[in-house]
């Protein structure tokens, strides 16, 4: 049971959804709030058992939902993980492109100092997570 102090610091499920839906389904990326809500709906509808409607996504987005189902929170967590993976891949691709551009115009780019930076960067974040699928 949560103490009174813990309850005041904990986030309600409705607030969790209201804060995280726009973060994961960023309206700037989709062009509008409505398009972002439709993307959230498309993602979540296949991951929840109930008959999900766009209106329900809008309620969650605006913080007007009276309750939040566990499977809705789980679907949003999945979306956050998927978004993080996609962003990581995009950043790696962008970094590879920048490295290729720099290598073409800067002869010092392949020097020992840059090699040390690249080898250090390859190890970042790899010690905490197990390898999945032999990657």
N, C-alpha and C. Protein backbone atom coordinates (compact mmCIF):
# COMPACT_ATOMS: atom_id res chain seq x y z
N UNK A 1 0.84 -1.18 0.00
CA UNK A 1 0.00 0.00 0.00
C UNK A 1 0.89 1.24 0.00
N UNK A 2 0.52 2.21 -0.80
CA UNK A 2 1.29 3.44 -0.88
C UNK A 2 0.98 4.34 0.31
N UNK A 3 2.01 4.96 0.83
CA UNK A 3 1.81 5.92 1.90
C UNK A 3 1.24 7.21 1.31
N UNK A 4 0.79 8.09 2.17
CA UNK A 4 0.21 9.35 1.71
C UNK A 4 1.26 10.15 0.94
N UNK A 5 2.51 10.09 1.38
CA UNK A 5 3.60 10.79 0.72
C UNK A 5 3.86 10.22 -0.68
N UNK A 6 3.83 8.88 -0.79
CA UNK A 6 4.05 8.23 -2.08
C UNK A 6 2.92 8.56 -3.07
N UNK A 7 1.70 8.61 -2.57
CA UNK A 7 0.56 8.90 -3.44
C UNK A 7 0.64 10.30 -4.03
N UNK A 8 1.13 11.24 -3.24
CA UNK A 8 1.22 12.61 -3.74
C UNK A 8 2.31 12.74 -4.79
N UNK A 9 3.30 11.87 -4.78
CA UNK A 9 4.39 11.92 -5.75
C UNK A 9 4.15 11.03 -6.96
N UNK A 10 3.23 10.07 -6.85
CA UNK A 10 3.00 9.15 -7.96
C UNK A 10 2.13 9.82 -9.03
N UNK A 11 2.26 9.32 -10.25
CA UNK A 11 1.51 9.87 -11.36
C UNK A 11 0.30 8.99 -11.63
N UNK A 12 -0.84 9.60 -11.82
CA UNK A 12 -2.02 8.82 -12.15
C UNK A 12 -1.87 8.28 -13.57
N UNK A 13 -2.60 7.21 -13.86
CA UNK A 13 -2.55 6.61 -15.19
C UNK A 13 -3.02 7.58 -16.26
N UNK A 14 -4.03 8.38 -15.93
CA UNK A 14 -4.55 9.35 -16.89
C UNK A 14 -3.49 10.39 -17.23
N UNK A 15 -2.78 10.87 -16.23
CA UNK A 15 -1.72 11.86 -16.46
C UNK A 15 -0.57 11.21 -17.22
N UNK A 16 -0.26 9.96 -16.90
CA UNK A 16 0.78 9.23 -17.61
C UNK A 16 0.47 9.19 -19.10
N UNK A 17 -0.75 8.82 -19.45
CA UNK A 17 -1.15 8.74 -20.85
C UNK A 17 -1.15 10.12 -21.51
N UNK A 18 -1.66 11.11 -20.79
CA UNK A 18 -1.73 12.47 -21.33
C UNK A 18 -0.33 13.02 -21.61
N UNK A 19 0.62 12.72 -20.76
CA UNK A 19 1.99 13.22 -20.95
C UNK A 19 2.75 12.44 -22.01
N UNK A 20 2.53 11.14 -22.08
CA UNK A 20 3.36 10.29 -22.93
C UNK A 20 2.83 10.09 -24.35
N UNK A 21 1.53 10.16 -24.55
CA UNK A 21 1.00 10.01 -25.91
C UNK A 21 1.59 11.08 -26.85
N UNK A 22 1.54 12.37 -26.49
CA UNK A 22 2.12 13.37 -27.39
C UNK A 22 3.64 13.26 -27.52
N UNK A 23 4.29 12.70 -26.51
CA UNK A 23 5.74 12.51 -26.58
C UNK A 23 6.09 11.43 -27.60
N UNK A 24 5.37 10.32 -27.56
CA UNK A 24 5.65 9.21 -28.47
C UNK A 24 5.13 9.50 -29.87
N UNK A 25 3.93 10.02 -29.95
CA UNK A 25 3.32 10.34 -31.24
C UNK A 25 3.33 11.87 -31.39
N UNK A 26 4.51 12.39 -31.66
CA UNK A 26 4.75 13.83 -31.68
C UNK A 26 4.00 14.50 -32.83
N UNK A 27 3.12 15.46 -32.51
CA UNK A 27 2.36 16.15 -33.56
C UNK A 27 3.25 16.85 -34.59
N UNK A 28 4.44 17.28 -34.21
CA UNK A 28 5.34 17.93 -35.18
C UNK A 28 5.78 16.95 -36.25
N UNK A 29 5.96 15.70 -35.87
CA UNK A 29 6.38 14.69 -36.85
C UNK A 29 5.23 14.30 -37.77
N UNK A 30 4.01 14.25 -37.23
CA UNK A 30 2.85 13.83 -38.00
C UNK A 30 2.13 14.98 -38.70
N UNK A 31 2.49 16.20 -38.36
CA UNK A 31 1.90 17.36 -39.04
C UNK A 31 0.77 18.02 -38.31
N UNK A 32 0.06 17.29 -37.45
CA UNK A 32 -1.03 17.88 -36.67
C UNK A 32 -1.34 16.96 -35.50
N UNK A 33 -2.07 17.49 -34.55
CA UNK A 33 -2.47 16.69 -33.39
C UNK A 33 -3.39 15.57 -33.84
N UNK A 34 -4.30 15.87 -34.74
CA UNK A 34 -5.24 14.85 -35.21
C UNK A 34 -4.50 13.71 -35.91
N UNK A 35 -3.53 14.03 -36.75
CA UNK A 35 -2.76 13.00 -37.43
C UNK A 35 -1.96 12.15 -36.43
N UNK A 36 -1.44 12.79 -35.39
CA UNK A 36 -0.71 12.07 -34.35
C UNK A 36 -1.65 11.14 -33.58
N UNK A 37 -2.86 11.62 -33.30
CA UNK A 37 -3.85 10.78 -32.62
C UNK A 37 -4.25 9.59 -33.49
N UNK A 38 -4.37 9.80 -34.77
CA UNK A 38 -4.69 8.69 -35.68
C UNK A 38 -3.56 7.68 -35.70
N UNK A 39 -2.31 8.15 -35.68
CA UNK A 39 -1.16 7.25 -35.64
C UNK A 39 -1.16 6.45 -34.33
N UNK A 40 -1.50 7.11 -33.22
CA UNK A 40 -1.59 6.41 -31.93
C UNK A 40 -2.69 5.36 -31.98
N UNK A 41 -3.81 5.73 -32.56
CA UNK A 41 -4.93 4.80 -32.70
C UNK A 41 -4.52 3.59 -33.54
N UNK A 42 -3.89 3.84 -34.68
CA UNK A 42 -3.46 2.75 -35.56
C UNK A 42 -2.49 1.81 -34.85
N UNK A 43 -1.59 2.38 -34.05
CA UNK A 43 -0.62 1.56 -33.33
C UNK A 43 -1.29 0.75 -32.23
N UNK A 44 -2.16 1.39 -31.46
CA UNK A 44 -2.72 0.76 -30.27
C UNK A 44 -3.86 -0.20 -30.56
N UNK A 45 -4.60 0.00 -31.66
CA UNK A 45 -5.79 -0.82 -31.89
C UNK A 45 -5.47 -2.30 -32.03
N UNK A 46 -4.31 -2.63 -32.56
CA UNK A 46 -3.94 -4.03 -32.70
C UNK A 46 -3.32 -4.63 -31.44
N UNK A 47 -3.12 -3.81 -30.43
CA UNK A 47 -2.45 -4.27 -29.23
C UNK A 47 -3.34 -4.30 -27.99
N UNK A 48 -4.59 -3.93 -28.15
CA UNK A 48 -5.55 -4.01 -27.04
C UNK A 48 -6.69 -4.92 -27.44
N UNK A 49 -7.25 -5.60 -26.48
CA UNK A 49 -8.31 -6.57 -26.74
C UNK A 49 -9.66 -5.91 -27.02
N UNK A 50 -9.90 -4.77 -26.40
CA UNK A 50 -11.22 -4.14 -26.56
C UNK A 50 -11.34 -3.44 -27.90
N UNK A 51 -12.53 -3.05 -28.22
CA UNK A 51 -12.81 -2.35 -29.47
C UNK A 51 -12.44 -0.88 -29.29
N UNK A 52 -11.22 -0.55 -29.63
CA UNK A 52 -10.70 0.79 -29.42
C UNK A 52 -11.22 1.74 -30.50
N UNK A 53 -11.59 2.93 -30.08
CA UNK A 53 -12.09 3.96 -31.00
C UNK A 53 -11.15 5.18 -30.95
N UNK A 54 -11.15 5.95 -32.01
CA UNK A 54 -10.35 7.17 -32.06
C UNK A 54 -10.75 8.13 -30.94
N UNK A 55 -12.02 8.13 -30.61
CA UNK A 55 -12.51 9.00 -29.53
C UNK A 55 -11.83 8.67 -28.20
N UNK A 56 -11.58 7.37 -27.98
CA UNK A 56 -10.89 6.94 -26.75
C UNK A 56 -9.46 7.47 -26.72
N UNK A 57 -8.78 7.44 -27.86
CA UNK A 57 -7.42 7.98 -27.94
C UNK A 57 -7.43 9.47 -27.63
N UNK A 58 -8.41 10.17 -28.16
CA UNK A 58 -8.53 11.60 -27.90
C UNK A 58 -8.76 11.87 -26.41
N UNK A 59 -9.58 11.05 -25.75
CA UNK A 59 -9.80 11.21 -24.31
C UNK A 59 -8.50 11.00 -23.54
N UNK A 60 -7.75 9.96 -23.91
CA UNK A 60 -6.47 9.69 -23.24
C UNK A 60 -5.49 10.84 -23.49
N UNK A 61 -5.47 11.33 -24.71
CA UNK A 61 -4.56 12.40 -25.12
C UNK A 61 -4.83 13.68 -24.31
N UNK A 62 -6.09 13.98 -24.15
CA UNK A 62 -6.49 15.22 -23.47
C UNK A 62 -6.58 15.08 -21.96
N UNK A 63 -6.38 13.88 -21.44
CA UNK A 63 -6.46 13.66 -19.99
C UNK A 63 -7.88 13.63 -19.48
N UNK A 64 -8.85 13.34 -20.33
CA UNK A 64 -10.26 13.33 -19.94
C UNK A 64 -10.79 11.94 -19.68
N UNK A 65 -9.95 10.93 -19.81
CA UNK A 65 -10.39 9.56 -19.56
C UNK A 65 -10.58 9.35 -18.06
N UNK A 66 -11.68 8.72 -17.69
CA UNK A 66 -11.94 8.49 -16.27
C UNK A 66 -11.13 7.33 -15.72
N UNK A 67 -10.65 6.47 -16.62
CA UNK A 67 -9.82 5.33 -16.22
C UNK A 67 -8.91 4.99 -17.39
N UNK A 68 -7.85 4.25 -17.09
CA UNK A 68 -6.93 3.78 -18.13
C UNK A 68 -6.73 2.29 -17.91
N UNK A 69 -6.96 1.51 -18.95
CA UNK A 69 -6.76 0.06 -18.85
C UNK A 69 -5.27 -0.25 -18.90
N UNK A 70 -4.91 -1.33 -18.23
CA UNK A 70 -3.52 -1.75 -18.21
C UNK A 70 -2.98 -2.04 -19.60
N UNK A 71 -3.80 -2.63 -20.44
CA UNK A 71 -3.33 -2.95 -21.79
C UNK A 71 -3.10 -1.68 -22.62
N UNK A 72 -3.80 -0.61 -22.31
CA UNK A 72 -3.55 0.66 -22.99
C UNK A 72 -2.19 1.22 -22.59
N UNK A 73 -1.88 1.14 -21.29
CA UNK A 73 -0.57 1.58 -20.82
C UNK A 73 0.53 0.71 -21.41
N UNK A 74 0.29 -0.60 -21.46
CA UNK A 74 1.28 -1.51 -22.03
C UNK A 74 1.53 -1.20 -23.50
N UNK A 75 0.48 -0.89 -24.25
CA UNK A 75 0.63 -0.56 -25.66
C UNK A 75 1.44 0.73 -25.83
N UNK A 76 1.21 1.70 -24.96
CA UNK A 76 1.97 2.94 -25.03
C UNK A 76 3.44 2.69 -24.67
N UNK A 77 3.68 1.85 -23.69
CA UNK A 77 5.07 1.49 -23.36
C UNK A 77 5.76 0.82 -24.54
N UNK A 78 5.04 -0.08 -25.23
CA UNK A 78 5.58 -0.71 -26.44
C UNK A 78 5.91 0.35 -27.49
N UNK A 79 5.02 1.30 -27.65
CA UNK A 79 5.24 2.36 -28.63
C UNK A 79 6.47 3.18 -28.27
N UNK A 80 6.67 3.46 -26.98
CA UNK A 80 7.85 4.21 -26.54
C UNK A 80 9.12 3.44 -26.88
N UNK A 81 9.12 2.14 -26.64
CA UNK A 81 10.29 1.31 -26.94
C UNK A 81 10.55 1.29 -28.43
N UNK A 82 9.50 1.09 -29.20
CA UNK A 82 9.64 1.06 -30.66
C UNK A 82 10.14 2.39 -31.19
N UNK A 83 9.62 3.47 -30.66
CA UNK A 83 10.05 4.81 -31.08
C UNK A 83 11.52 5.03 -30.74
N UNK A 84 11.95 4.58 -29.57
CA UNK A 84 13.34 4.72 -29.18
C UNK A 84 14.25 3.92 -30.11
N UNK A 85 13.84 2.72 -30.46
CA UNK A 85 14.63 1.91 -31.40
C UNK A 85 14.71 2.57 -32.77
N UNK A 86 13.60 3.09 -33.25
CA UNK A 86 13.59 3.76 -34.56
C UNK A 86 14.47 5.01 -34.55
N UNK A 87 14.39 5.77 -33.46
CA UNK A 87 15.22 6.97 -33.35
C UNK A 87 16.70 6.60 -33.28
N UNK A 88 17.02 5.53 -32.57
CA UNK A 88 18.40 5.07 -32.46
C UNK A 88 18.95 4.68 -33.84
N UNK A 89 18.15 3.93 -34.60
CA UNK A 89 18.57 3.52 -35.95
C UNK A 89 18.77 4.74 -36.85
N UNK A 90 17.86 5.71 -36.75
CA UNK A 90 17.96 6.91 -37.58
C UNK A 90 19.21 7.71 -37.21
N UNK A 91 19.50 7.80 -35.91
CA UNK A 91 20.70 8.53 -35.48
C UNK A 91 21.97 7.83 -35.93
N UNK A 92 21.98 6.50 -35.85
CA UNK A 92 23.15 5.74 -36.31
C UNK A 92 23.35 5.95 -37.81
N UNK A 93 22.28 5.95 -38.56
CA UNK A 93 22.35 6.17 -40.00
C UNK A 93 22.86 7.57 -40.30
N UNK A 94 22.35 8.55 -39.58
CA UNK A 94 22.78 9.95 -39.76
C UNK A 94 24.25 10.09 -39.42
N UNK A 95 24.69 9.46 -38.35
CA UNK A 95 26.09 9.52 -37.94
C UNK A 95 26.99 8.89 -39.00
N UNK A 96 26.58 7.75 -39.56
CA UNK A 96 27.36 7.10 -40.61
C UNK A 96 27.47 8.02 -41.84
N UNK A 97 26.38 8.69 -42.16
CA UNK A 97 26.39 9.62 -43.30
C UNK A 97 27.34 10.78 -43.03
N UNK A 98 27.30 11.33 -41.82
CA UNK A 98 28.19 12.44 -41.48
C UNK A 98 29.66 11.99 -41.48
N UNK A 99 29.92 10.79 -40.98
CA UNK A 99 31.28 10.27 -40.99
C UNK A 99 31.80 10.13 -42.42
N UNK A 100 30.96 9.64 -43.31
CA UNK A 100 31.36 9.49 -44.70
C UNK A 100 31.65 10.85 -45.33
N UNK A 101 30.83 11.84 -45.04
CA UNK A 101 31.04 13.18 -45.58
C UNK A 101 32.34 13.79 -45.05
N UNK A 102 32.57 13.63 -43.75
CA UNK A 102 33.78 14.17 -43.15
C UNK A 102 35.03 13.46 -43.66
N UNK A 103 34.95 12.16 -43.83
CA UNK A 103 36.10 11.40 -44.31
C UNK A 103 36.51 11.85 -45.70
N UNK A 104 35.52 12.27 -46.50
CA UNK A 104 35.82 12.69 -47.86
C UNK A 104 36.53 14.05 -47.92
N UNK A 105 36.31 14.92 -46.94
CA UNK A 105 36.88 16.27 -47.00
C UNK A 105 37.94 16.55 -45.94
N UNK A 106 38.05 15.71 -44.93
CA UNK A 106 38.98 15.97 -43.82
C UNK A 106 39.92 14.78 -43.66
N UNK A 107 41.19 14.98 -44.03
CA UNK A 107 42.14 13.88 -43.97
C UNK A 107 42.49 13.46 -42.54
N UNK A 108 42.29 14.36 -41.57
CA UNK A 108 42.56 14.02 -40.17
C UNK A 108 41.43 13.20 -39.54
N UNK A 109 40.34 13.06 -40.27
CA UNK A 109 39.17 12.37 -39.71
C UNK A 109 39.49 10.91 -39.36
N UNK A 110 40.39 10.29 -40.10
CA UNK A 110 40.75 8.90 -39.81
C UNK A 110 41.98 8.80 -38.91
N UNK A 111 42.28 9.87 -38.23
CA UNK A 111 43.44 9.87 -37.34
C UNK A 111 43.16 9.09 -36.06
N UNK A 112 44.19 8.90 -35.23
CA UNK A 112 44.05 8.10 -34.01
C UNK A 112 43.06 8.69 -32.99
N UNK A 113 42.97 10.01 -32.92
CA UNK A 113 42.04 10.61 -31.96
C UNK A 113 40.60 10.30 -32.34
N UNK A 114 40.26 10.41 -33.61
CA UNK A 114 38.89 10.12 -34.06
C UNK A 114 38.60 8.63 -33.94
N UNK A 115 39.58 7.78 -34.20
CA UNK A 115 39.39 6.34 -34.02
C UNK A 115 39.06 6.02 -32.57
N UNK A 116 39.71 6.71 -31.63
CA UNK A 116 39.44 6.51 -30.21
C UNK A 116 38.02 6.95 -29.87
N UNK A 117 37.58 8.08 -30.44
CA UNK A 117 36.21 8.54 -30.20
C UNK A 117 35.19 7.52 -30.71
N UNK A 118 35.43 7.02 -31.93
CA UNK A 118 34.48 6.06 -32.52
C UNK A 118 34.44 4.76 -31.73
N UNK A 119 35.58 4.27 -31.29
CA UNK A 119 35.57 3.01 -30.53
C UNK A 119 34.90 3.20 -29.17
N UNK A 120 35.07 4.37 -28.57
CA UNK A 120 34.39 4.64 -27.30
C UNK A 120 32.88 4.74 -27.51
N UNK A 121 32.47 5.35 -28.61
CA UNK A 121 31.04 5.51 -28.89
C UNK A 121 30.38 4.18 -29.17
N UNK A 122 31.10 3.24 -29.77
CA UNK A 122 30.52 1.93 -30.06
C UNK A 122 30.17 1.17 -28.78
N UNK A 123 30.88 1.44 -27.71
CA UNK A 123 30.63 0.72 -26.46
C UNK A 123 29.54 1.33 -25.60
N UNK A 124 29.08 2.53 -25.93
CA UNK A 124 28.08 3.21 -25.12
C UNK A 124 26.76 2.47 -25.19
N UNK A 125 26.21 2.15 -24.01
CA UNK A 125 24.89 1.54 -23.93
C UNK A 125 24.86 0.04 -24.17
N UNK A 126 25.97 -0.56 -24.47
CA UNK A 126 25.97 -1.98 -24.78
C UNK A 126 26.16 -2.87 -23.56
N UNK A 127 26.71 -2.34 -22.51
CA UNK A 127 26.97 -3.16 -21.33
C UNK A 127 25.73 -3.44 -20.49
N UNK A 128 24.73 -2.58 -20.61
CA UNK A 128 23.55 -2.70 -19.77
C UNK A 128 22.52 -3.67 -20.30
N UNK A 129 22.50 -3.90 -21.61
CA UNK A 129 21.42 -4.69 -22.18
C UNK A 129 21.98 -5.97 -22.81
N UNK A 130 21.27 -7.07 -22.65
CA UNK A 130 21.72 -8.33 -23.25
C UNK A 130 21.52 -8.29 -24.76
N UNK A 131 22.31 -9.03 -25.48
CA UNK A 131 22.18 -9.14 -26.93
C UNK A 131 20.99 -10.02 -27.26
N UNK A 132 20.16 -9.58 -28.15
CA UNK A 132 18.96 -10.32 -28.53
C UNK A 132 19.10 -10.74 -29.98
N UNK A 133 18.88 -12.00 -30.24
CA UNK A 133 18.89 -12.47 -31.62
C UNK A 133 20.25 -12.51 -32.23
N UNK A 134 21.32 -12.55 -31.43
CA UNK A 134 22.67 -12.67 -31.94
C UNK A 134 23.18 -11.43 -32.65
N UNK A 135 22.61 -10.27 -32.37
CA UNK A 135 23.06 -9.02 -33.01
C UNK A 135 24.34 -8.55 -32.38
